[in-house]
């Protein structure tokens, strides 16, 4: 049985979130929480909250034992991109892309 949690429109680039997700993929939830608490990345706090939400979903909705859970799959997809303009010299304008992410994380019981 698997429990999922989703995080939509996180205002961090998917490339930066992927680095944090690669650290916890396949780990048990207690180890993954410890890794996220000690990782100095901007994406680690939202991913930590998402992991705790997935564990709570597994406990409340699917009645799974929280001590046997592990991160079965986690991935990030690009969300909306906000386009902004940065004024440059001689009347030019450069485009700035403010990227966002959709994160999916699922936990499952060890067999």
PDB file of N, CA and C in Angstrom:
ATOM      1  N   UNK A   1       0.845  -1.184   0.000  1.00  0.00           N
ATOM      2  CA  UNK A   1       0.000   0.000   0.000  1.00  0.00           C
ATOM      3  C   UNK A   1       0.884   1.238   0.000  1.00  0.00           C
ATOM      4  N   UNK A   2       0.425   2.258  -0.658  1.00  0.00           N
ATOM      5  CA  UNK A   2       1.223   3.457  -0.836  1.00  0.00           C
ATOM      6  C   UNK A   2       0.405   4.680  -0.459  1.00  0.00           C
ATOM      7  N   UNK A   3       1.056   5.662   0.133  1.00  0.00           N
ATOM      8  CA  UNK A   3       0.403   6.932   0.458  1.00  0.00           C
ATOM      9  C   UNK A   3       1.187   8.042  -0.220  1.00  0.00           C
ATOM     10  N   UNK A   4       0.466   8.986  -0.823  1.00  0.00           N
ATOM     11  CA  UNK A   4       1.112  10.061  -1.573  1.00  0.00           C
ATOM     12  C   UNK A   4       0.793  11.415  -0.976  1.00  0.00           C
ATOM     13  N   UNK A   5       1.673  12.364  -1.278  1.00  0.00           N
ATOM     14  CA  UNK A   5       1.439  13.767  -0.936  1.00  0.00           C
ATOM     15  C   UNK A   5       1.991  14.607  -2.084  1.00  0.00           C
ATOM     16  N   UNK A   6       1.313  15.713  -2.363  1.00  0.00           N
ATOM     17  CA  UNK A   6       1.675  16.574  -3.481  1.00  0.00           C
ATOM     18  C   UNK A   6       1.939  17.986  -2.977  1.00  0.00           C
ATOM     19  N   UNK A   7       2.888  18.652  -3.598  1.00  0.00           N
ATOM     20  CA  UNK A   7       3.176  20.053  -3.323  1.00  0.00           C
ATOM     21  C   UNK A   7       3.177  20.776  -4.659  1.00  0.00           C
ATOM     22  N   UNK A   8       2.212  21.667  -4.838  1.00  0.00           N
ATOM     23  CA  UNK A   8       2.064  22.368  -6.108  1.00  0.00           C
ATOM     24  C   UNK A   8       2.586  23.790  -5.997  1.00  0.00           C
ATOM     25  N   UNK A   9       3.146  24.281  -7.075  1.00  0.00           N
ATOM     26  CA  UNK A   9       3.591  25.676  -7.226  1.00  0.00           C
ATOM     27  C   UNK A   9       4.589  26.099  -6.151  1.00  0.00           C
ATOM     28  N   UNK A  10       5.562  25.270  -5.880  1.00  0.00           N
ATOM     29  CA  UNK A  10       6.662  25.650  -5.001  1.00  0.00           C
ATOM     30  C   UNK A  10       7.576  26.592  -5.775  1.00  0.00           C
ATOM     31  N   UNK A  11       7.860  27.766  -5.227  1.00  0.00           N
ATOM     32  CA  UNK A  11       8.594  28.786  -5.968  1.00  0.00           C
ATOM     33  C   UNK A  11      10.113  28.577  -5.861  1.00  0.00           C
ATOM     34  N   UNK A  12      10.543  27.359  -6.154  1.00  0.00           N
ATOM     35  CA  UNK A  12      11.964  27.009  -6.253  1.00  0.00           C
ATOM     36  C   UNK A  12      12.126  26.244  -7.555  1.00  0.00           C
ATOM     37  N   UNK A  13      13.228  26.445  -8.209  1.00  0.00           N
ATOM     38  CA  UNK A  13      13.501  25.792  -9.483  1.00  0.00           C
ATOM     39  C   UNK A  13      13.494  24.264  -9.337  1.00  0.00           C
ATOM     40  N   UNK A  14      12.939  23.536 -10.300  1.00  0.00           N
ATOM     41  CA  UNK A  14      12.920  22.073 -10.215  1.00  0.00           C
ATOM     42  C   UNK A  14      14.321  21.459 -10.121  1.00  0.00           C
ATOM     43  N   UNK A  15      15.279  22.107 -10.740  1.00  0.00           N
ATOM     44  CA  UNK A  15      16.654  21.621 -10.699  1.00  0.00           C
ATOM     45  C   UNK A  15      17.196  21.611  -9.271  1.00  0.00           C
ATOM     46  N   UNK A  16      16.840  22.623  -8.490  1.00  0.00           N
ATOM     47  CA  UNK A  16      17.307  22.714  -7.107  1.00  0.00           C
ATOM     48  C   UNK A  16      16.558  21.742  -6.193  1.00  0.00           C
ATOM     49  N   UNK A  17      15.278  21.509  -6.484  1.00  0.00           N
ATOM     50  CA  UNK A  17      14.488  20.576  -5.668  1.00  0.00           C
ATOM     51  C   UNK A  17      14.947  19.140  -5.916  1.00  0.00           C
ATOM     52  N   UNK A  18      15.333  18.836  -7.155  1.00  0.00           N
ATOM     53  CA  UNK A  18      15.763  17.484  -7.517  1.00  0.00           C
ATOM     54  C   UNK A  18      16.988  17.050  -6.714  1.00  0.00           C
ATOM     55  N   UNK A  19      17.882  17.987  -6.419  1.00  0.00           N
ATOM     56  CA  UNK A  19      19.076  17.677  -5.628  1.00  0.00           C
ATOM     57  C   UNK A  19      18.678  17.161  -4.247  1.00  0.00           C
ATOM     58  N   UNK A  20      17.674  17.787  -3.636  1.00  0.00           N
ATOM     59  CA  UNK A  20      17.225  17.382  -2.294  1.00  0.00           C
ATOM     60  C   UNK A  20      16.481  16.050  -2.368  1.00  0.00           C
ATOM     61  N   UNK A  21      15.667  15.856  -3.398  1.00  0.00           N
ATOM     62  CA  UNK A  21      14.903  14.612  -3.513  1.00  0.00           C
ATOM     63  C   UNK A  21      15.820  13.410  -3.746  1.00  0.00           C
ATOM     64  N   UNK A  22      16.927  13.622  -4.450  1.00  0.00           N
ATOM     65  CA  UNK A  22      17.869  12.524  -4.683  1.00  0.00           C
ATOM     66  C   UNK A  22      18.513  12.041  -3.386  1.00  0.00           C
ATOM     67  N   UNK A  23      18.567  12.906  -2.372  1.00  0.00           N
ATOM     68  CA  UNK A  23      19.163  12.517  -1.087  1.00  0.00           C
ATOM     69  C   UNK A  23      18.290  11.530  -0.320  1.00  0.00           C
ATOM     70  N   UNK A  24      16.962  11.615  -0.479  1.00  0.00           N
ATOM     71  CA  UNK A  24      16.065  10.824   0.377  1.00  0.00           C
ATOM     72  C   UNK A  24      15.395   9.663  -0.358  1.00  0.00           C
ATOM     73  N   UNK A  25      15.554   9.561  -1.655  1.00  0.00           N
ATOM     74  CA  UNK A  25      14.873   8.505  -2.413  1.00  0.00           C
ATOM     75  C   UNK A  25      15.339   7.125  -1.959  1.00  0.00           C
ATOM     76  N   UNK A  26      14.391   6.265  -1.574  1.00  0.00           N
ATOM     77  CA  UNK A  26      14.692   4.905  -1.153  1.00  0.00           C
ATOM     78  C   UNK A  26      15.031   4.745   0.322  1.00  0.00           C
ATOM     79  N   UNK A  27      15.162   5.832   1.059  1.00  0.00           N
ATOM     80  CA  UNK A  27      15.512   5.765   2.478  1.00  0.00           C
ATOM     81  C   UNK A  27      14.243   5.566   3.324  1.00  0.00           C
ATOM     82  N   UNK A  28      14.421   5.027   4.535  1.00  0.00           N
ATOM     83  CA  UNK A  28      13.267   4.938   5.430  1.00  0.00           C
ATOM     84  C   UNK A  28      12.949   6.340   5.943  1.00  0.00           C
ATOM     85  N   UNK A  29      11.734   6.536   6.425  1.00  0.00           N
ATOM     86  CA  UNK A  29      11.247   7.890   6.703  1.00  0.00           C
ATOM     87  C   UNK A  29      11.999   8.566   7.848  1.00  0.00           C
ATOM     88  N   UNK A  30      12.401   7.821   8.869  1.00  0.00           N
ATOM     89  CA  UNK A  30      13.122   8.461   9.966  1.00  0.00           C
ATOM     90  C   UNK A  30      14.487   8.960   9.508  1.00  0.00           C
ATOM     91  N   UNK A  31      15.159   8.194   8.681  1.00  0.00           N
ATOM     92  CA  UNK A  31      16.447   8.626   8.126  1.00  0.00           C
ATOM     93  C   UNK A  31      16.251   9.805   7.194  1.00  0.00           C
ATOM     94  N   UNK A  32      15.213   9.762   6.374  1.00  0.00           N
ATOM     95  CA  UNK A  32      14.944  10.848   5.428  1.00  0.00           C
ATOM     96  C   UNK A  32      14.636  12.153   6.164  1.00  0.00           C
ATOM     97  N   UNK A  33      13.891  12.076   7.261  1.00  0.00           N
ATOM     98  CA  UNK A  33      13.586  13.278   8.054  1.00  0.00           C
ATOM     99  C   UNK A  33      14.860  13.841   8.658  1.00  0.00           C
ATOM    100  N   UNK A  34      15.739  12.970   9.157  1.00  0.00           N
ATOM    101  CA  UNK A  34      17.007  13.427   9.725  1.00  0.00           C
ATOM    102  C   UNK A  34      17.891  14.081   8.659  1.00  0.00           C
ATOM    103  N   UNK A  35      17.914  13.515   7.467  1.00  0.00           N
ATOM    104  CA  UNK A  35      18.699  14.091   6.370  1.00  0.00           C
ATOM    105  C   UNK A  35      18.166  15.467   6.004  1.00  0.00           C
ATOM    106  N   UNK A  36      16.852  15.592   5.896  1.00  0.00           N
ATOM    107  CA  UNK A  36      16.263  16.868   5.489  1.00  0.00           C
ATOM    108  C   UNK A  36      16.452  17.950   6.545  1.00  0.00           C
ATOM    109  N   UNK A  37      16.422  17.572   7.812  1.00  0.00           N
ATOM    110  CA  UNK A  37      16.612  18.566   8.873  1.00  0.00           C
ATOM    111  C   UNK A  37      18.029  19.116   8.892  1.00  0.00           C
ATOM    112  N   UNK A  38      18.994  18.351   8.392  1.00  0.00           N
ATOM    113  CA  UNK A  38      20.397  18.758   8.437  1.00  0.00           C
ATOM    114  C   UNK A  38      20.958  19.150   7.076  1.00  0.00           C
ATOM    115  N   UNK A  39      20.105  19.326   6.092  1.00  0.00           N
ATOM    116  CA  UNK A  39      20.564  19.721   4.770  1.00  0.00           C
ATOM    117  C   UNK A  39      20.378  21.224   4.597  1.00  0.00           C
ATOM    118  N   UNK A  40      21.449  21.962   4.305  1.00  0.00           N
ATOM    119  CA  UNK A  40      21.342  23.423   4.186  1.00  0.00           C
ATOM    120  C   UNK A  40      20.916  23.875   2.787  1.00  0.00           C
ATOM    121  N   UNK A  41      19.786  23.405   2.327  1.00  0.00           N
ATOM    122  CA  UNK A  41      19.241  23.798   1.027  1.00  0.00           C
ATOM    123  C   UNK A  41      17.887  24.452   1.254  1.00  0.00           C
ATOM    124  N   UNK A  42      17.524  25.368   0.367  1.00  0.00           N
ATOM    125  CA  UNK A  42      16.243  26.070   0.504  1.00  0.00           C
ATOM    126  C   UNK A  42      15.069  25.111   0.326  1.00  0.00           C
ATOM    127  N   UNK A  43      15.241  24.071  -0.481  1.00  0.00           N
ATOM    128  CA  UNK A  43      14.146  23.147  -0.760  1.00  0.00           C
ATOM    129  C   UNK A  43      13.946  22.104   0.335  1.00  0.00           C
ATOM    130  N   UNK A  44      14.863  22.018   1.297  1.00  0.00           N
ATOM    131  CA  UNK A  44      14.763  20.946   2.282  1.00  0.00           C
ATOM    132  C   UNK A  44      13.580  21.130   3.240  1.00  0.00           C
ATOM    133  N   UNK A  45      13.243  22.364   3.606  1.00  0.00           N
ATOM    134  CA  UNK A  45      12.112  22.577   4.516  1.00  0.00           C
ATOM    135  C   UNK A  45      10.768  22.236   3.860  1.00  0.00           C
ATOM    136  N   UNK A  46      10.472  22.707   2.640  1.00  0.00           N
ATOM    137  CA  UNK A  46       9.206  22.287   2.017  1.00  0.00           C
ATOM    138  C   UNK A  46       9.127  20.785   1.771  1.00  0.00           C
ATOM    139  N   UNK A  47      10.250  20.156   1.414  1.00  0.00           N
ATOM    140  CA  UNK A  47      10.245  18.706   1.181  1.00  0.00           C
ATOM    141  C   UNK A  47      10.057  17.970   2.503  1.00  0.00           C
ATOM    142  N   UNK A  48      10.621  18.502   3.589  1.00  0.00           N
ATOM    143  CA  UNK A  48      10.417  17.904   4.913  1.00  0.00           C
ATOM    144  C   UNK A  48       8.943  17.938   5.294  1.00  0.00           C
ATOM    145  N   UNK A  49       8.284  19.073   5.097  1.00  0.00           N
ATOM    146  CA  UNK A  49       6.851  19.180   5.398  1.00  0.00           C
ATOM    147  C   UNK A  49       6.035  18.227   4.526  1.00  0.00           C
ATOM    148  N   UNK A  50       6.446  18.085   3.263  1.00  0.00           N
ATOM    149  CA  UNK A  50       5.748  17.174   2.355  1.00  0.00           C
ATOM    150  C   UNK A  50       5.908  15.730   2.796  1.00  0.00           C
ATOM    151  N   UNK A  51       7.106  15.360   3.242  1.00  0.00           N
ATOM    152  CA  UNK A  51       7.346  14.004   3.735  1.00  0.00           C
ATOM    153  C   UNK A  51       6.515  13.718   4.981  1.00  0.00           C
ATOM    154  N   UNK A  52       6.452  14.682   5.895  1.00  0.00           N
ATOM    155  CA  UNK A  52       5.641  14.503   7.097  1.00  0.00           C
ATOM    156  C   UNK A  52       4.164  14.387   6.749  1.00  0.00           C
ATOM    157  N   UNK A  53       3.725  15.102   5.725  1.00  0.00           N
ATOM    158  CA  UNK A  53       2.340  14.991   5.269  1.00  0.00           C
ATOM    159  C   UNK A  53       2.060  13.613   4.681  1.00  0.00           C
ATOM    160  N   UNK A  54       3.013  13.084   3.908  1.00  0.00           N
ATOM    161  CA  UNK A  54       2.838  11.751   3.329  1.00  0.00           C
ATOM    162  C   UNK A  54       2.782  10.680   4.410  1.00  0.00           C
ATOM    163  N   UNK A  55       3.604  10.827   5.443  1.00  0.00           N
ATOM    164  CA  UNK A  55       3.583   9.874   6.572  1.00  0.00           C
ATOM    165  C   UNK A  55       2.241   9.957   7.301  1.00  0.00           C
ATOM    166  N   UNK A  56       1.727  11.176   7.502  1.00  0.00           N
ATOM    167  CA  UNK A  56       0.429  11.350   8.161  1.00  0.00           C
ATOM    168  C   UNK A  56      -0.690  10.768   7.311  1.00  0.00           C
ATOM    169  N   UNK A  57      -0.604  10.935   5.980  1.00  0.00           N
ATOM    170  CA  UNK A  57      -1.601  10.337   5.089  1.00  0.00           C
ATOM    171  C   UNK A  57      -1.576   8.815   5.191  1.00  0.00           C
ATOM    172  N   UNK A  58      -0.378   8.239   5.272  1.00  0.00           N
ATOM    173  CA  UNK A  58      -0.256   6.785   5.377  1.00  0.00           C
ATOM    174  C   UNK A  58      -0.861   6.277   6.676  1.00  0.00           C
ATOM    175  N   UNK A  59      -0.662   7.035   7.750  1.00  0.00           N
ATOM    176  CA  UNK A  59      -1.168   6.599   9.054  1.00  0.00           C
ATOM    177  C   UNK A  59      -2.681   6.767   9.148  1.00  0.00           C
ATOM    178  N   UNK A  60      -3.198   7.907   8.720  1.00  0.00           N
ATOM    179  CA  UNK A  60      -4.614   8.203   8.920  1.00  0.00           C
ATOM    180  C   UNK A  60      -5.516   7.618   7.843  1.00  0.00           C
ATOM    181  N   UNK A  61      -5.107   7.701   6.595  1.00  0.00           N
ATOM    182  CA  UNK A  61      -5.985   7.260   5.504  1.00  0.00           C
ATOM    183  C   UNK A  61      -5.843   5.775   5.191  1.00  0.00           C
ATOM    184  N   UNK A  62      -4.604   5.262   5.225  1.00  0.00           N
ATOM    185  CA  UNK A  62      -4.373   3.873   4.818  1.00  0.00           C
ATOM    186  C   UNK A  62      -4.075   2.945   5.981  1.00  0.00           C
ATOM    187  N   UNK A  63      -4.022   3.480   7.211  1.00  0.00           N
ATOM    188  CA  UNK A  63      -3.789   2.701   8.431  1.00  0.00           C
ATOM    189  C   UNK A  63      -2.513   1.861   8.337  1.00  0.00           C
ATOM    190  N   UNK A  64      -1.419   2.505   7.879  1.00  0.00           N
ATOM    191  CA  UNK A  64      -0.133   1.827   7.786  1.00  0.00           C
ATOM    192  C   UNK A  64       0.679   2.101   9.046  1.00  0.00           C
ATOM    193  N   UNK A  65       1.603   1.200   9.336  1.00  0.00           N
ATOM    194  CA  UNK A  65       2.498   1.353  10.488  1.00  0.00           C
ATOM    195  C   UNK A  65       3.613   2.327  10.096  1.00  0.00           C
ATOM    196  N   UNK A  66       3.760   3.420  10.845  1.00  0.00           N
ATOM    197  CA  UNK A  66       4.712   4.464  10.459  1.00  0.00           C
ATOM    198  C   UNK A  66       6.172   4.053  10.668  1.00  0.00           C
ATOM    199  N   UNK A  67       6.419   3.020  11.461  1.00  0.00           N
ATOM    200  CA  UNK A  67       7.806   2.603  11.698  1.00  0.00           C
ATOM    201  C   UNK A  67       8.378   1.826  10.516  1.00  0.00           C
ATOM    202  N   UNK A  68       7.533   1.286   9.649  1.00  0.00           N
ATOM    203  CA  UNK A  68       7.992   0.483   8.516  1.00  0.00           C
ATOM    204  C   UNK A  68       7.925   1.219   7.189  1.00  0.00           C
ATOM    205  N   UNK A  69       7.772   2.530   7.222  1.00  0.00           N
ATOM    206  CA  UNK A  69       7.615   3.274   5.972  1.00  0.00           C
ATOM    207  C   UNK A  69       8.958   3.698   5.385  1.00  0.00           C
ATOM    208  N   UNK A  70       9.010   3.765   4.057  1.00  0.00           N
ATOM    209  CA  UNK A  70      10.177   4.293   3.363  1.00  0.00           C
ATOM    210  C   UNK A  70       9.703   5.133   2.176  1.00  0.00           C
ATOM    211  N   UNK A  71      10.569   5.974   1.660  1.00  0.00           N
ATOM    212  CA  UNK A  71      10.233   6.842   0.530  1.00  0.00           C
ATOM    213  C   UNK A  71      10.319   5.995  -0.737  1.00  0.00           C
ATOM    214  N   UNK A  72       9.178   5.586  -1.248  1.00  0.00           N
ATOM    215  CA  UNK A  72       9.180   4.679  -2.394  1.00  0.00           C
ATOM    216  C   UNK A  72       9.422   5.405  -3.706  1.00  0.00           C
ATOM    217  N   UNK A  73       8.880   6.613  -3.836  1.00  0.00           N
ATOM    218  CA  UNK A  73       9.156   7.382  -5.039  1.00  0.00           C
ATOM    219  C   UNK A  73       8.971   8.855  -4.754  1.00  0.00           C
ATOM    220  N   UNK A  74       9.809   9.660  -5.382  1.00  0.00           N
ATOM    221  CA  UNK A  74       9.699  11.110  -5.259  1.00  0.00           C
ATOM    222  C   UNK A  74      10.272  11.724  -6.528  1.00  0.00           C
ATOM    223  N   UNK A  75       9.543  12.694  -7.052  1.00  0.00           N
ATOM    224  CA  UNK A  75      10.002  13.354  -8.264  1.00  0.00           C
ATOM    225  C   UNK A  75       9.455  14.765  -8.318  1.00  0.00           C
ATOM    226  N   UNK A  76      10.041  15.562  -9.187  1.00  0.00           N
ATOM    227  CA  UNK A  76       9.639  16.958  -9.353  1.00  0.00           C
ATOM    228  C   UNK A  76       9.411  17.217 -10.836  1.00  0.00           C
ATOM    229  N   UNK A  77       8.363  17.970 -11.122  1.00  0.00           N
ATOM    230  CA  UNK A  77       8.082  18.388 -12.486  1.00  0.00           C
ATOM    231  C   UNK A  77       7.995  19.911 -12.517  1.00  0.00           C
ATOM    232  N   UNK A  78       8.311  20.531 -13.655  1.00  0.00           N
ATOM    233  CA  UNK A  78       8.243  21.994 -13.706  1.00  0.00           C
ATOM    234  C   UNK A  78       6.813  22.512 -13.634  1.00  0.00           C
ATOM    235  N   UNK A  79       6.638  23.575 -12.898  1.00  0.00           N
ATOM    236  CA  UNK A  79       5.346  24.236 -12.809  1.00  0.00           C
ATOM    237  C   UNK A  79       5.321  25.453 -13.709  1.00  0.00           C
ATOM    238  N   UNK A  80       4.497  26.425 -13.342  1.00  0.00           N
ATOM    239  CA  UNK A  80       4.414  27.659 -14.123  1.00  0.00           C
ATOM    240  C   UNK A  80       5.704  28.452 -14.035  1.00  0.00           C
ATOM    241  N   UNK A  81       6.028  29.149 -15.095  1.00  0.00           N
ATOM    242  CA  UNK A  81       7.195  30.018 -15.117  1.00  0.00           C
ATOM    243  C   UNK A  81       6.720  31.457 -15.241  1.00  0.00           C
ATOM    244  N   UNK A  82       7.061  32.271 -14.249  1.00  0.00           N
ATOM    245  CA  UNK A  82       6.720  33.694 -14.292  1.00  0.00           C
ATOM    246  C   UNK A  82       7.834  34.418 -15.039  1.00  0.00           C
ATOM    247  N   UNK A  83       7.460  35.218 -16.030  1.00  0.00           N
ATOM    248  CA  UNK A  83       8.437  35.919 -16.844  1.00  0.00           C
ATOM    249  C   UNK A  83       8.498  37.379 -16.402  1.00  0.00           C
ATOM    250  N   UNK A  84       9.697  37.825 -16.067  1.00  0.00           N
ATOM    251  CA  UNK A  84       9.921  39.187 -15.615  1.00  0.00           C
ATOM    252  C   UNK A  84      10.967  39.846 -16.495  1.00  0.00           C
ATOM    253  N   UNK A  85      11.027  41.171 -16.450  1.00  0.00           N
ATOM    254  CA  UNK A  85      11.966  41.928 -17.269  1.00  0.00           C
ATOM    255  C   UNK A  85      12.957  42.643 -16.358  1.00  0.00           C
ATOM    256  N   UNK A  86      14.250  42.530 -16.687  1.00  0.00           N
ATOM    257  CA  UNK A  86      15.301  43.244 -15.969  1.00  0.00           C
ATOM    258  C   UNK A  86      15.879  44.313 -16.894  1.00  0.00           C
ATOM    259  N   UNK A  87      15.753  45.587 -16.537  1.00  0.00           N
ATOM    260  CA  UNK A  87      16.325  46.639 -17.382  1.00  0.00           C
ATOM    261  C   UNK A  87      17.847  46.514 -17.448  1.00  0.00           C
ATOM    262  N   UNK A  88      18.388  46.701 -18.645  1.00  0.00           N
ATOM    263  CA  UNK A  88      19.826  46.634 -18.861  1.00  0.00           C
ATOM    264  C   UNK A  88      20.298  47.928 -19.514  1.00  0.00           C
ATOM    265  N   UNK A  89      21.564  47.995 -19.825  1.00  0.00           N
ATOM    266  CA  UNK A  89      22.157  49.216 -20.359  1.00  0.00           C
ATOM    267  C   UNK A  89      21.631  49.530 -21.764  1.00  0.00           C
ATOM    268  N   UNK A  90      21.604  50.808 -22.088  1.00  0.00           N
ATOM    269  CA  UNK A  90      21.265  51.326 -23.415  1.00  0.00           C
ATOM    270  C   UNK A  90      19.845  50.949 -23.834  1.00  0.00           C
ATOM    271  N   UNK A  91      18.924  50.916 -22.881  1.00  0.00           N
ATOM    272  CA  UNK A  91      17.519  50.696 -23.192  1.00  0.00           C
ATOM    273  C   UNK A  91      17.128  49.263 -23.475  1.00  0.00           C
ATOM    274  N   UNK A  92      18.026  48.345 -23.251  1.00  0.00           N
ATOM    275  CA  UNK A  92      17.702  46.936 -23.499  1.00  0.00           C
ATOM    276  C   UNK A  92      16.969  46.358 -22.285  1.00  0.00           C
ATOM    277  N   UNK A  93      16.396  45.173 -22.486  1.00  0.00           N
ATOM    278  CA  UNK A  93      15.723  44.481 -21.386  1.00  0.00           C
ATOM    279  C   UNK A  93      16.007  42.989 -21.515  1.00  0.00           C
ATOM    280  N   UNK A  94      16.440  42.374 -20.425  1.00  0.00           N
ATOM    281  CA  UNK A  94      16.674  40.938 -20.401  1.00  0.00           C
ATOM    282  C   UNK A  94      15.517  40.276 -19.676  1.00  0.00           C
ATOM    283  N   UNK A  95      15.185  39.075 -20.090  1.00  0.00           N
ATOM    284  CA  UNK A  95      14.095  38.333 -19.478  1.00  0.00           C
ATOM    285  C   UNK A  95      14.613  37.487 -18.321  1.00  0.00           C
ATOM    286  N   UNK A  96      13.898  37.510 -17.208  1.00  0.00           N
ATOM    287  CA  UNK A  96      14.199  36.668 -16.053  1.00  0.00           C
ATOM    288  C   UNK A  96      13.067  35.655 -15.923  1.00  0.00           C
ATOM    289  N   UNK A  97      13.414  34.386 -15.793  1.00  0.00           N
ATOM    290  CA  UNK A  97      12.427  33.315 -15.657  1.00  0.00           C
ATOM    291  C   UNK A  97      12.397  32.866 -14.205  1.00  0.00           C
ATOM    292  N   UNK A  98      11.277  33.105 -13.534  1.00  0.00           N
ATOM    293  CA  UNK A  98      11.102  32.667 -12.154  1.00  0.00           C
ATOM    294  C   UNK A  98      10.341  31.346 -12.200  1.00  0.00           C
ATOM    295  N   UNK A  99      11.072  30.274 -12.010  1.00  0.00           N
ATOM    296  CA  UNK A  99      10.521  28.935 -12.195  1.00  0.00           C
ATOM    297  C   UNK A  99       9.852  28.428 -10.912  1.00  0.00           C
ATOM    298  N   UNK A 100       8.884  27.538 -11.092  1.00  0.00           N
ATOM    299  CA  UNK A 100       8.224  26.902  -9.950  1.00  0.00           C
ATOM    300  C   UNK A 100       8.193  25.392 -10.179  1.00  0.00           C
ATOM    301  N   UNK A 101       7.820  24.653  -9.142  1.00  0.00           N
ATOM    302  CA  UNK A 101       7.900  23.196  -9.169  1.00  0.00           C
ATOM    303  C   UNK A 101       6.635  22.555  -8.628  1.00  0.00           C
ATOM    304  N   UNK A 102       6.342  21.367  -9.126  1.00  0.00           N
ATOM    305  CA  UNK A 102       5.324  20.488  -8.566  1.00  0.00           C
ATOM    306  C   UNK A 102       6.059  19.249  -8.057  1.00  0.00           C
ATOM    307  N   UNK A 103       5.946  18.969  -6.762  1.00  0.00           N
ATOM    308  CA  UNK A 103       6.675  17.855  -6.150  1.00  0.00           C
ATOM    309  C   UNK A 103       5.681  16.774  -5.758  1.00  0.00           C
ATOM    310  N   UNK A 104       6.004  15.527  -6.070  1.00  0.00           N
ATOM    311  CA  UNK A 104       5.201  14.371  -5.687  1.00  0.00           C
ATOM    312  C   UNK A 104       6.078  13.430  -4.873  1.00  0.00           C
ATOM    313  N   UNK A 105       5.577  13.005  -3.719  1.00  0.00           N
ATOM    314  CA  UNK A 105       6.329  12.123  -2.840  1.00  0.00           C
ATOM    315  C   UNK A 105       5.383  11.032  -2.340  1.00  0.00           C
ATOM    316  N   UNK A 106       5.826   9.798  -2.417  1.00  0.00           N
ATOM    317  CA  UNK A 106       4.987   8.703  -1.916  1.00  0.00           C
ATOM    318  C   UNK A 106       5.817   7.806  -0.991  1.00  0.00           C
ATOM    319  N   UNK A 107       5.157   7.311   0.032  1.00  0.00           N
ATOM    320  CA  UNK A 107       5.775   6.405   0.991  1.00  0.00           C
ATOM    321  C   UNK A 107       5.023   5.073   0.950  1.00  0.00           C
ATOM    322  N   UNK A 108       5.755   4.010   1.220  1.00  0.00           N
ATOM    323  CA  UNK A 108       5.153   2.676   1.218  1.00  0.00           C
ATOM    324  C   UNK A 108       5.751   1.867   2.368  1.00  0.00           C
ATOM    325  N   UNK A 109       5.071   0.768   2.709  1.00  0.00           N
ATOM    326  CA  UNK A 109       5.556  -0.103   3.775  1.00  0.00           C
ATOM    327  C   UNK A 109       6.585  -1.078   3.229  1.00  0.00           C
ATOM    328  N   UNK A 110       7.599  -1.368   4.055  1.00  0.00           N
ATOM    329  CA  UNK A 110       8.582  -2.378   3.680  1.00  0.00           C
ATOM    330  C   UNK A 110       7.939  -3.751   3.762  1.00  0.00           C
ATOM    331  N   UNK A 111       8.311  -4.595   2.844  1.00  0.00           N
ATOM    332  CA  UNK A 111       7.735  -5.943   2.839  1.00  0.00           C
ATOM    333  C   UNK A 111       8.631  -6.955   3.497  1.00  0.00           C
TER     334      UNK A 111
END
